[in-house]
Structure formats: structure tokens, C-alpha cells
Amino acid sequence: MDNGSGADDKSVLDYVANDVTALKARLGTSDQAILDQHLASIRAVEHEMWCHLQQCAVLEARRLALGAIRHYDRAPPAAGNRAHLRRGGEGRATVAK
């Protein structure tokens, strides 16, 4: 299972594959089917965990990216606060009399 971490990405079942093969050789057909169902369940749980970890990583990356630009995501000030810009007052100095 590839989780992108660079760590050992093997399934727990990869570590016991030889033991599973030896056990299956000693089991009857119906017990082999039950064992296969259990192994499939373990793989399904691993897959769910991997998907959850990937989702958490994506959400964390998104949170970090949006946190850096959060102040740009705010609503603009009310029109009354910008009235001086429309009049061209943004570059004029106020003259005291």
C-alpha cells in the first residue's frame, strides 16, 4: 500500500504471506474460503485507513495553503469606507488651516 510517506508501504498481509500460504495448505476448502474472507476484510480496513490518511493530508495541506492567504478571503469593506477612493482622495494630503 503506497501512502506516499516513503516509509515501508507494505500491507500487514505481505509480512505474513508465507504463513498464510502454509496455513491454507492445511485447511479444507470451506476453511480456506473463510480465511480468504478474513484476509479480504483486513485489506479493506487497511484501504480505508489509507484513504482516511490521504484525506487528512489533503485537508491539512489545504488548511495551510488557505491560512497563508486568509486575509485576502475576507469580504471587502462597506462602500462608505471607500468613498475617498472614488473622489481621488487616496493621493491627496490633508491640509490643515
PDB file of N, CA and C in Angstrom:
ATOM      1  N   MET A   1       0.852  -1.177   0.000  1.00  0.00           N
ATOM      2  CA  MET A   1       0.000   0.000   0.000  1.00  0.00           C
ATOM      3  C   MET A   1       0.892   1.232   0.000  1.00  0.00           C
ATOM      4  N   ASP A   2       0.694   2.143  -0.931  1.00  0.00           N
ATOM      5  CA  ASP A   2       1.531   3.332  -1.069  1.00  0.00           C
ATOM      6  C   ASP A   2       0.855   4.498  -0.378  1.00  0.00           C
ATOM      7  N   ASN A   3       1.467   4.980   0.692  1.00  0.00           N
ATOM      8  CA  ASN A   3       0.895   6.131   1.384  1.00  0.00           C
ATOM      9  C   ASN A   3       1.685   7.398   1.121  1.00  0.00           C
ATOM     10  N   GLY A   4       2.684   7.320   0.262  1.00  0.00           N
ATOM     11  CA  GLY A   4       3.438   8.497  -0.116  1.00  0.00           C
ATOM     12  C   GLY A   4       4.394   9.002   0.950  1.00  0.00           C
ATOM     13  N   SER A   5       4.513   8.299   2.050  1.00  0.00           N
ATOM     14  CA  SER A   5       5.349   8.779   3.135  1.00  0.00           C
ATOM     15  C   SER A   5       6.804   8.393   2.968  1.00  0.00           C
ATOM     16  N   GLY A   6       7.072   7.465   2.051  1.00  0.00           N
ATOM     17  CA  GLY A   6       8.431   6.990   1.900  1.00  0.00           C
ATOM     18  C   GLY A   6       8.752   5.889   2.895  1.00  0.00           C
ATOM     19  N   ALA A   7       7.847   5.640   3.830  1.00  0.00           N
ATOM     20  CA  ALA A   7       8.031   4.577   4.805  1.00  0.00           C
ATOM     21  C   ALA A   7       7.702   3.245   4.142  1.00  0.00           C
ATOM     22  N   ASP A   8       7.856   2.178   4.891  1.00  0.00           N
ATOM     23  CA  ASP A   8       7.529   0.861   4.376  1.00  0.00           C
ATOM     24  C   ASP A   8       6.034   0.815   4.088  1.00  0.00           C
ATOM     25  N   ASP A   9       5.688   0.645   2.822  1.00  0.00           N
ATOM     26  CA  ASP A   9       4.298   0.739   2.390  1.00  0.00           C
ATOM     27  C   ASP A   9       3.629  -0.612   2.240  1.00  0.00           C
ATOM     28  N   LYS A  10       4.167  -1.644   2.844  1.00  0.00           N
ATOM     29  CA  LYS A  10       3.601  -2.966   2.704  1.00  0.00           C
ATOM     30  C   LYS A  10       2.352  -3.124   3.568  1.00  0.00           C
ATOM     31  N   SER A  11       1.501  -4.003   3.094  1.00  0.00           N
ATOM     32  CA  SER A  11       0.339  -4.410   3.868  1.00  0.00           C
ATOM     33  C   SER A  11       0.814  -5.336   4.982  1.00  0.00           C
ATOM     34  N   VAL A  12       0.081  -5.375   6.059  1.00  0.00           N
ATOM     35  CA  VAL A  12       0.408  -6.319   7.126  1.00  0.00           C
ATOM     36  C   VAL A  12       0.336  -7.744   6.583  1.00  0.00           C
ATOM     37  N   LEU A  13      -0.509  -7.949   5.592  1.00  0.00           N
ATOM     38  CA  LEU A  13      -0.641  -9.281   4.999  1.00  0.00           C
ATOM     39  C   LEU A  13       0.599  -9.675   4.202  1.00  0.00           C
ATOM     40  N   ASP A  14       1.326  -8.703   3.702  1.00  0.00           N
ATOM     41  CA  ASP A  14       2.567  -9.002   2.981  1.00  0.00           C
ATOM     42  C   ASP A  14       3.599  -9.647   3.907  1.00  0.00           C
ATOM     43  N   TYR A  15       3.558  -9.285   5.178  1.00  0.00           N
ATOM     44  CA  TYR A  15       4.508  -9.822   6.144  1.00  0.00           C
ATOM     45  C   TYR A  15       4.181 -11.259   6.549  1.00  0.00           C
ATOM     46  N   VAL A  16       2.928 -11.645   6.423  1.00  0.00           N
ATOM     47  CA  VAL A  16       2.517 -12.982   6.848  1.00  0.00           C
ATOM     48  C   VAL A  16       2.138 -13.870   5.661  1.00  0.00           C
ATOM     49  N   ALA A  17       2.477 -13.458   4.456  1.00  0.00           N
ATOM     50  CA  ALA A  17       2.076 -14.196   3.255  1.00  0.00           C
ATOM     51  C   ALA A  17       2.539 -15.649   3.293  1.00  0.00           C
ATOM     52  N   ASN A  18       3.775 -15.887   3.706  1.00  0.00           N
ATOM     53  CA  ASN A  18       4.282 -17.265   3.757  1.00  0.00           C
ATOM     54  C   ASN A  18       3.510 -18.086   4.780  1.00  0.00           C
ATOM     55  N   ASP A  19       3.213 -17.492   5.923  1.00  0.00           N
ATOM     56  CA  ASP A  19       2.446 -18.200   6.955  1.00  0.00           C
ATOM     57  C   ASP A  19       1.029 -18.512   6.473  1.00  0.00           C
ATOM     58  N   VAL A  20       0.426 -17.560   5.747  1.00  0.00           N
ATOM     59  CA  VAL A  20      -0.925 -17.769   5.223  1.00  0.00           C
ATOM     60  C   VAL A  20      -0.916 -18.910   4.208  1.00  0.00           C
ATOM     61  N   THR A  21       0.086 -18.922   3.357  1.00  0.00           N
ATOM     62  CA  THR A  21       0.191 -19.993   2.356  1.00  0.00           C
ATOM     63  C   THR A  21       0.327 -21.355   3.034  1.00  0.00           C
ATOM     64  N   ALA A  22       1.157 -21.426   4.060  1.00  0.00           N
ATOM     65  CA  ALA A  22       1.343 -22.694   4.776  1.00  0.00           C
ATOM     66  C   ALA A  22       0.053 -23.111   5.485  1.00  0.00           C
ATOM     67  N   LEU A  23      -0.637 -22.152   6.063  1.00  0.00           N
ATOM     68  CA  LEU A  23      -1.886 -22.459   6.756  1.00  0.00           C
ATOM     69  C   LEU A  23      -2.952 -22.947   5.774  1.00  0.00           C
ATOM     70  N   LYS A  24      -3.056 -22.288   4.628  1.00  0.00           N
ATOM     71  CA  LYS A  24      -4.055 -22.685   3.629  1.00  0.00           C
ATOM     72  C   LYS A  24      -3.836 -24.124   3.165  1.00  0.00           C
ATOM     73  N   ALA A  25      -2.588 -24.543   3.097  1.00  0.00           N
ATOM     74  CA  ALA A  25      -2.286 -25.904   2.648  1.00  0.00           C
ATOM     75  C   ALA A  25      -2.831 -26.945   3.625  1.00  0.00           C
ATOM     76  N   ARG A  26      -3.004 -26.562   4.869  1.00  0.00           N
ATOM     77  CA  ARG A  26      -3.500 -27.495   5.886  1.00  0.00           C
ATOM     78  C   ARG A  26      -5.008 -27.409   6.087  1.00  0.00           C
ATOM     79  N   LEU A  27      -5.658 -26.438   5.454  1.00  0.00           N
ATOM     80  CA  LEU A  27      -7.091 -26.233   5.661  1.00  0.00           C
ATOM     81  C   LEU A  27      -7.908 -26.906   4.567  1.00  0.00           C
ATOM     82  N   GLY A  28      -9.149 -27.185   4.911  1.00  0.00           N
ATOM     83  CA  GLY A  28     -10.094 -27.686   3.921  1.00  0.00           C
ATOM     84  C   GLY A  28     -10.618 -26.534   3.078  1.00  0.00           C
ATOM     85  N   THR A  29     -11.392 -26.860   2.068  1.00  0.00           N
ATOM     86  CA  THR A  29     -11.894 -25.868   1.116  1.00  0.00           C
ATOM     87  C   THR A  29     -12.750 -24.802   1.793  1.00  0.00           C
ATOM     88  N   SER A  30     -13.659 -25.220   2.671  1.00  0.00           N
ATOM     89  CA  SER A  30     -14.551 -24.244   3.318  1.00  0.00           C
ATOM     90  C   SER A  30     -13.769 -23.332   4.268  1.00  0.00           C
ATOM     91  N   ASP A  31     -12.783 -23.895   4.979  1.00  0.00           N
ATOM     92  CA  ASP A  31     -11.974 -23.075   5.882  1.00  0.00           C
ATOM     93  C   ASP A  31     -11.073 -22.113   5.099  1.00  0.00           C
ATOM     94  N   GLN A  32     -10.612 -22.533   3.938  1.00  0.00           N
ATOM     95  CA  GLN A  32      -9.819 -21.642   3.087  1.00  0.00           C
ATOM     96  C   GLN A  32     -10.658 -20.454   2.638  1.00  0.00           C
ATOM     97  N   ALA A  33     -11.922 -20.718   2.318  1.00  0.00           N
ATOM     98  CA  ALA A  33     -12.819 -19.634   1.906  1.00  0.00           C
ATOM     99  C   ALA A  33     -13.039 -18.654   3.051  1.00  0.00           C
ATOM    100  N   ILE A  34     -13.184 -19.168   4.268  1.00  0.00           N
ATOM    101  CA  ILE A  34     -13.362 -18.298   5.444  1.00  0.00           C
ATOM    102  C   ILE A  34     -12.097 -17.469   5.667  1.00  0.00           C
ATOM    103  N   LEU A  35     -10.947 -18.105   5.554  1.00  0.00           N
ATOM    104  CA  LEU A  35      -9.679 -17.383   5.715  1.00  0.00           C
ATOM    105  C   LEU A  35      -9.551 -16.288   4.660  1.00  0.00           C
ATOM    106  N   ASP A  36      -9.911 -16.605   3.422  1.00  0.00           N
ATOM    107  CA  ASP A  36      -9.850 -15.601   2.353  1.00  0.00           C
ATOM    108  C   ASP A  36     -10.766 -14.414   2.656  1.00  0.00           C
ATOM    109  N   GLN A  37     -11.930 -14.670   3.233  1.00  0.00           N
ATOM    110  CA  GLN A  37     -12.839 -13.580   3.612  1.00  0.00           C
ATOM    111  C   GLN A  37     -12.209 -12.706   4.689  1.00  0.00           C
ATOM    112  N   HIS A  38     -11.557 -13.335   5.660  1.00  0.00           N
ATOM    113  CA  HIS A  38     -10.895 -12.560   6.722  1.00  0.00           C
ATOM    114  C   HIS A  38      -9.754 -11.716   6.155  1.00  0.00           C
ATOM    115  N   LEU A  39      -8.987 -12.297   5.256  1.00  0.00           N
ATOM    116  CA  LEU A  39      -7.877 -11.562   4.646  1.00  0.00           C
ATOM    117  C   LEU A  39      -8.396 -10.391   3.810  1.00  0.00           C
ATOM    118  N   ALA A  40      -9.496 -10.605   3.104  1.00  0.00           N
ATOM    119  CA  ALA A  40     -10.099  -9.511   2.326  1.00  0.00           C
ATOM    120  C   ALA A  40     -10.591  -8.408   3.247  1.00  0.00           C
ATOM    121  N   SER A  41     -11.125  -8.784   4.399  1.00  0.00           N
ATOM    122  CA  SER A  41     -11.587  -7.781   5.371  1.00  0.00           C
ATOM    123  C   SER A  41     -10.414  -6.954   5.892  1.00  0.00           C
ATOM    124  N   ILE A  42      -9.306  -7.615   6.145  1.00  0.00           N
ATOM    125  CA  ILE A  42      -8.117  -6.896   6.622  1.00  0.00           C
ATOM    126  C   ILE A  42      -7.634  -5.919   5.552  1.00  0.00           C
ATOM    127  N   ARG A  43      -7.590  -6.358   4.308  1.00  0.00           N
ATOM    128  CA  ARG A  43      -7.189  -5.452   3.221  1.00  0.00           C
ATOM    129  C   ARG A  43      -8.141  -4.272   3.100  1.00  0.00           C
ATOM    130  N   ALA A  44      -9.434  -4.514   3.288  1.00  0.00           N
ATOM    131  CA  ALA A  44     -10.425  -3.434   3.207  1.00  0.00           C
ATOM    132  C   ALA A  44     -10.202  -2.418   4.319  1.00  0.00           C
ATOM    133  N   VAL A  45      -9.906  -2.882   5.521  1.00  0.00           N
ATOM    134  CA  VAL A  45      -9.631  -1.969   6.637  1.00  0.00           C
ATOM    135  C   VAL A  45      -8.372  -1.163   6.360  1.00  0.00           C
ATOM    136  N   GLU A  46      -7.346  -1.826   5.856  1.00  0.00           N
ATOM    137  CA  GLU A  46      -6.113  -1.104   5.505  1.00  0.00           C
ATOM    138  C   GLU A  46      -6.386  -0.034   4.459  1.00  0.00           C
ATOM    139  N   HIS A  47      -7.203  -0.381   3.469  1.00  0.00           N
ATOM    140  CA  HIS A  47      -7.524   0.589   2.416  1.00  0.00           C
ATOM    141  C   HIS A  47      -8.289   1.784   2.983  1.00  0.00           C
ATOM    142  N   GLU A  48      -9.245   1.525   3.861  1.00  0.00           N
ATOM    143  CA  GLU A  48      -9.993   2.616   4.486  1.00  0.00           C
ATOM    144  C   GLU A  48      -9.073   3.520   5.293  1.00  0.00           C
ATOM    145  N   MET A  49      -8.141   2.913   6.018  1.00  0.00           N
ATOM    146  CA  MET A  49      -7.194   3.711   6.809  1.00  0.00           C
ATOM    147  C   MET A  49      -6.323   4.554   5.890  1.00  0.00           C
ATOM    148  N   TRP A  50      -5.852   3.964   4.791  1.00  0.00           N
ATOM    149  CA  TRP A  50      -5.007   4.687   3.844  1.00  0.00           C
ATOM    150  C   TRP A  50      -5.776   5.868   3.251  1.00  0.00           C
ATOM    151  N   CYS A  51      -7.044   5.623   2.858  1.00  0.00           N
ATOM    152  CA  CYS A  51      -7.855   6.699   2.281  1.00  0.00           C
ATOM    153  C   CYS A  51      -8.067   7.818   3.299  1.00  0.00           C
ATOM    154  N   HIS A  52      -8.316   7.449   4.546  1.00  0.00           N
ATOM    155  CA  HIS A  52      -8.516   8.456   5.586  1.00  0.00           C
ATOM    156  C   HIS A  52      -7.243   9.277   5.787  1.00  0.00           C
ATOM    157  N   LEU A  53      -6.103   8.618   5.801  1.00  0.00           N
ATOM    158  CA  LEU A  53      -4.838   9.339   5.958  1.00  0.00           C
ATOM    159  C   LEU A  53      -4.594  10.277   4.783  1.00  0.00           C
ATOM    160  N   GLN A  54      -4.916   9.827   3.581  1.00  0.00           N
ATOM    161  CA  GLN A  54      -4.758  10.684   2.404  1.00  0.00           C
ATOM    162  C   GLN A  54      -5.686  11.890   2.489  1.00  0.00           C
ATOM    163  N   GLN A  55      -6.915  11.658   2.909  1.00  0.00           N
ATOM    164  CA  GLN A  55      -7.880  12.749   3.033  1.00  0.00           C
ATOM    165  C   GLN A  55      -7.404  13.751   4.085  1.00  0.00           C
ATOM    166  N   CYS A  56      -6.898  13.265   5.198  1.00  0.00           N
ATOM    167  CA  CYS A  56      -6.383  14.161   6.238  1.00  0.00           C
ATOM    168  C   CYS A  56      -5.199  14.971   5.726  1.00  0.00           C
ATOM    169  N   ALA A  57      -4.337  14.340   4.954  1.00  0.00           N
ATOM    170  CA  ALA A  57      -3.176  15.052   4.413  1.00  0.00           C
ATOM    171  C   ALA A  57      -3.614  16.145   3.448  1.00  0.00           C
ATOM    172  N   VAL A  58      -4.593  15.854   2.614  1.00  0.00           N
ATOM    173  CA  VAL A  58      -5.083  16.854   1.664  1.00  0.00           C
ATOM    174  C   VAL A  58      -5.748  18.008   2.410  1.00  0.00           C
ATOM    175  N   LEU A  59      -6.562  17.691   3.406  1.00  0.00           N
ATOM    176  CA  LEU A  59      -7.232  18.746   4.166  1.00  0.00           C
ATOM    177  C   LEU A  59      -6.233  19.610   4.929  1.00  0.00           C
ATOM    178  N   GLU A  60      -5.197  18.991   5.472  1.00  0.00           N
ATOM    179  CA  GLU A  60      -4.176  19.758   6.188  1.00  0.00           C
ATOM    180  C   GLU A  60      -3.420  20.667   5.225  1.00  0.00           C
ATOM    181  N   ALA A  61      -3.079  20.155   4.046  1.00  0.00           N
ATOM    182  CA  ALA A  61      -2.391  20.980   3.046  1.00  0.00           C
ATOM    183  C   ALA A  61      -3.279  22.149   2.623  1.00  0.00           C
ATOM    184  N   ARG A  62      -4.549  21.873   2.449  1.00  0.00           N
ATOM    185  CA  ARG A  62      -5.492  22.937   2.062  1.00  0.00           C
ATOM    186  C   ARG A  62      -5.595  23.985   3.167  1.00  0.00           C
ATOM    187  N   ARG A  63      -5.656  23.512   4.420  1.00  0.00           N
ATOM    188  CA  ARG A  63      -5.742  24.441   5.544  1.00  0.00           C
ATOM    189  C   ARG A  63      -4.493  25.323   5.604  1.00  0.00           C
ATOM    190  N   LEU A  64      -3.338  24.729   5.403  1.00  0.00           N
ATOM    191  CA  LEU A  64      -2.102  25.504   5.435  1.00  0.00           C
ATOM    192  C   LEU A  64      -2.047  26.510   4.293  1.00  0.00           C
ATOM    193  N   ALA A  65      -2.473  26.085   3.108  1.00  0.00           N
ATOM    194  CA  ALA A  65      -2.445  26.982   1.957  1.00  0.00           C
ATOM    195  C   ALA A  65      -3.430  28.127   2.134  1.00  0.00           C
ATOM    196  N   LEU A  66      -4.610  27.821   2.599  1.00  0.00           N
ATOM    197  CA  LEU A  66      -5.615  28.873   2.770  1.00  0.00           C
ATOM    198  C   LEU A  66      -5.287  29.771   3.955  1.00  0.00           C
ATOM    199  N   GLY A  67      -4.630  29.218   4.955  1.00  0.00           N
ATOM    200  CA  GLY A  67      -4.250  30.033   6.101  1.00  0.00           C
ATOM    201  C   GLY A  67      -3.288  31.138   5.715  1.00  0.00           C
ATOM    202  N   ALA A  68      -2.463  30.880   4.721  1.00  0.00           N
ATOM    203  CA  ALA A  68      -1.488  31.873   4.284  1.00  0.00           C
ATOM    204  C   ALA A  68      -2.148  33.038   3.557  1.00  0.00           C
ATOM    205  N   ILE A  69      -3.323  32.817   2.984  1.00  0.00           N
ATOM    206  CA  ILE A  69      -3.994  33.883   2.242  1.00  0.00           C
ATOM    207  C   ILE A  69      -5.341  34.245   2.864  1.00  0.00           C
ATOM    208  N   ARG A  70      -5.535  33.870   4.090  1.00  0.00           N
ATOM    209  CA  ARG A  70      -6.826  34.063   4.746  1.00  0.00           C
ATOM    210  C   ARG A  70      -7.279  35.528   4.720  1.00  0.00           C
ATOM    211  N   HIS A  71      -6.371  36.464   4.904  1.00  0.00           N
ATOM    212  CA  HIS A  71      -6.784  37.869   4.949  1.00  0.00           C
ATOM    213  C   HIS A  71      -7.299  38.354   3.595  1.00  0.00           C
ATOM    214  N   TYR A  72      -6.944  37.702   2.497  1.00  0.00           N
ATOM    215  CA  TYR A  72      -7.469  38.079   1.192  1.00  0.00           C
ATOM    216  C   TYR A  72      -8.862  37.500   0.945  1.00  0.00           C
ATOM    217  N   ASP A  73      -9.256  36.591   1.794  1.00  0.00           N
ATOM    218  CA  ASP A  73     -10.526  35.896   1.609  1.00  0.00           C
ATOM    219  C   ASP A  73     -11.678  36.611   2.315  1.00  0.00           C
ATOM    220  N   ARG A  74     -11.389  37.723   2.949  1.00  0.00           N
ATOM    221  CA  ARG A  74     -12.439  38.441   3.676  1.00  0.00           C
ATOM    222  C   ARG A  74     -13.251  39.308   2.721  1.00  0.00           C
ATOM    223  N   ALA A  75     -14.460  39.604   3.128  1.00  0.00           N
ATOM    224  CA  ALA A  75     -15.324  40.471   2.322  1.00  0.00           C
ATOM    225  C   ALA A  75     -14.731  41.873   2.284  1.00  0.00           C
ATOM    226  N   PRO A  76     -14.908  42.588   1.176  1.00  0.00           N
ATOM    227  CA  PRO A  76     -14.377  43.955   1.097  1.00  0.00           C
ATOM    228  C   PRO A  76     -15.126  44.860   2.067  1.00  0.00           C
ATOM    229  N   PRO A  77     -14.508  45.942   2.482  1.00  0.00           N
ATOM    230  CA  PRO A  77     -15.173  46.864   3.391  1.00  0.00           C
ATOM    231  C   PRO A  77     -16.418  47.465   2.731  1.00  0.00           C
ATOM    232  N   ALA A  78     -17.277  47.993   3.548  1.00  0.00           N
ATOM    233  CA  ALA A  78     -18.502  48.606   3.044  1.00  0.00           C
ATOM    234  C   ALA A  78     -18.163  49.763   2.112  1.00  0.00           C
ATOM    235  N   ALA A  79     -19.084  50.114   1.212  1.00  0.00           N
ATOM    236  CA  ALA A  79     -18.850  51.155   0.212  1.00  0.00           C
ATOM    237  C   ALA A  79     -18.512  52.490   0.852  1.00  0.00           C
ATOM    238  N   GLY A  80     -19.088  52.788   1.985  1.00  0.00           N
ATOM    239  CA  GLY A  80     -18.826  54.061   2.656  1.00  0.00           C
ATOM    240  C   GLY A  80     -17.374  54.216   3.067  1.00  0.00           C
ATOM    241  N   ASN A  81     -16.697  53.117   3.322  1.00  0.00           N
ATOM    242  CA  ASN A  81     -15.294  53.171   3.718  1.00  0.00           C
ATOM    243  C   ASN A  81     -14.371  53.444   2.544  1.00  0.00           C
ATOM    244  N   ARG A  82     -14.899  53.339   1.328  1.00  0.00           N
ATOM    245  CA  ARG A  82     -14.071  53.545   0.142  1.00  0.00           C
ATOM    246  C   ARG A  82     -14.439  54.833  -0.593  1.00  0.00           C
ATOM    247  N   ALA A  83     -15.288  55.618  -0.040  1.00  0.00           N
ATOM    248  CA  ALA A  83     -15.749  56.821  -0.727  1.00  0.00           C
ATOM    249  C   ALA A  83     -14.587  57.740  -1.087  1.00  0.00           C
ATOM    250  N   HIS A  84     -13.594  57.845  -0.240  1.00  0.00           N
ATOM    251  CA  HIS A  84     -12.460  58.723  -0.530  1.00  0.00           C
ATOM    252  C   HIS A  84     -11.681  58.243  -1.752  1.00  0.00           C
ATOM    253  N   LEU A  85     -11.717  56.956  -2.065  1.00  0.00           N
ATOM    254  CA  LEU A  85     -11.018  56.449  -3.238  1.00  0.00           C
ATOM    255  C   LEU A  85     -11.716  56.889  -4.530  1.00  0.00           C
ATOM    256  N   ARG A  86     -13.021  56.900  -4.511  1.00  0.00           N
ATOM    257  CA  ARG A  86     -13.763  57.293  -5.705  1.00  0.00           C
ATOM    258  C   ARG A  86     -13.595  58.787  -5.988  1.00  0.00           C
ATOM    259  N   ARG A  87     -13.374  59.578  -4.966  1.00  0.00           N
ATOM    260  CA  ARG A  87     -13.194  61.020  -5.143  1.00  0.00           C
ATOM    261  C   ARG A  87     -11.752  61.367  -5.505  1.00  0.00           C
ATOM    262  N   GLY A  88     -10.878  60.394  -5.523  1.00  0.00           N
ATOM    263  CA  GLY A  88      -9.484  60.658  -5.843  1.00  0.00           C
ATOM    264  C   GLY A  88      -8.698  61.123  -4.638  1.00  0.00           C
ATOM    265  N   GLY A  89      -9.226  60.902  -3.467  1.00  0.00           N
ATOM    266  CA  GLY A  89      -8.567  61.382  -2.253  1.00  0.00           C
ATOM    267  C   GLY A  89      -7.468  60.504  -1.745  1.00  0.00           C
ATOM    268  N   GLU A  90      -7.210  59.383  -2.411  1.00  0.00           N
ATOM    269  CA  GLU A  90      -6.210  58.480  -1.884  1.00  0.00           C
ATOM    270  C   GLU A  90      -4.801  59.049  -1.974  1.00  0.00           C
ATOM    271  N   GLY A  91      -4.553  59.992  -2.882  1.00  0.00           N
ATOM    272  CA  GLY A  91      -3.199  60.527  -3.027  1.00  0.00           C
ATOM    273  C   GLY A  91      -3.053  61.939  -2.477  1.00  0.00           C
ATOM    274  N   ARG A  92      -4.133  62.531  -2.019  1.00  0.00           N
ATOM    275  CA  ARG A  92      -4.054  63.910  -1.548  1.00  0.00           C
ATOM    276  C   ARG A  92      -3.763  63.970  -0.070  1.00  0.00           C
ATOM    277  N   ALA A  93      -2.926  64.883   0.257  1.00  0.00           N
ATOM    278  CA  ALA A  93      -2.645  65.115   1.670  1.00  0.00           C
ATOM    279  C   ALA A  93      -3.666  66.074   2.215  1.00  0.00           C
ATOM    280  N   THR A  94      -4.010  65.906   3.455  1.00  0.00           N
ATOM    281  CA  THR A  94      -4.965  66.803   4.090  1.00  0.00           C
ATOM    282  C   THR A  94      -4.196  68.035   4.533  1.00  0.00           C
ATOM    283  N   VAL A  95      -4.731  69.187   4.159  1.00  0.00           N
ATOM    284  CA  VAL A  95      -4.074  70.445   4.513  1.00  0.00           C
ATOM    285  C   VAL A  95      -4.774  71.036   5.712  1.00  0.00           C
ATOM    286  N   ALA A  96      -4.017  71.275   6.760  1.00  0.00           N
ATOM    287  CA  ALA A  96      -4.598  71.886   7.959  1.00  0.00           C
ATOM    288  C   ALA A  96      -4.574  73.394   7.808  1.00  0.00           C
ATOM    289  N   LYS A  97      -5.676  74.049   8.203  1.00  0.00           N
ATOM    290  CA  LYS A  97      -5.751  75.518   8.110  1.00  0.00           C
ATOM    291  C   LYS A  97      -5.665  76.152   9.447  1.00  0.00           C
TER     292      LYS A  97
END
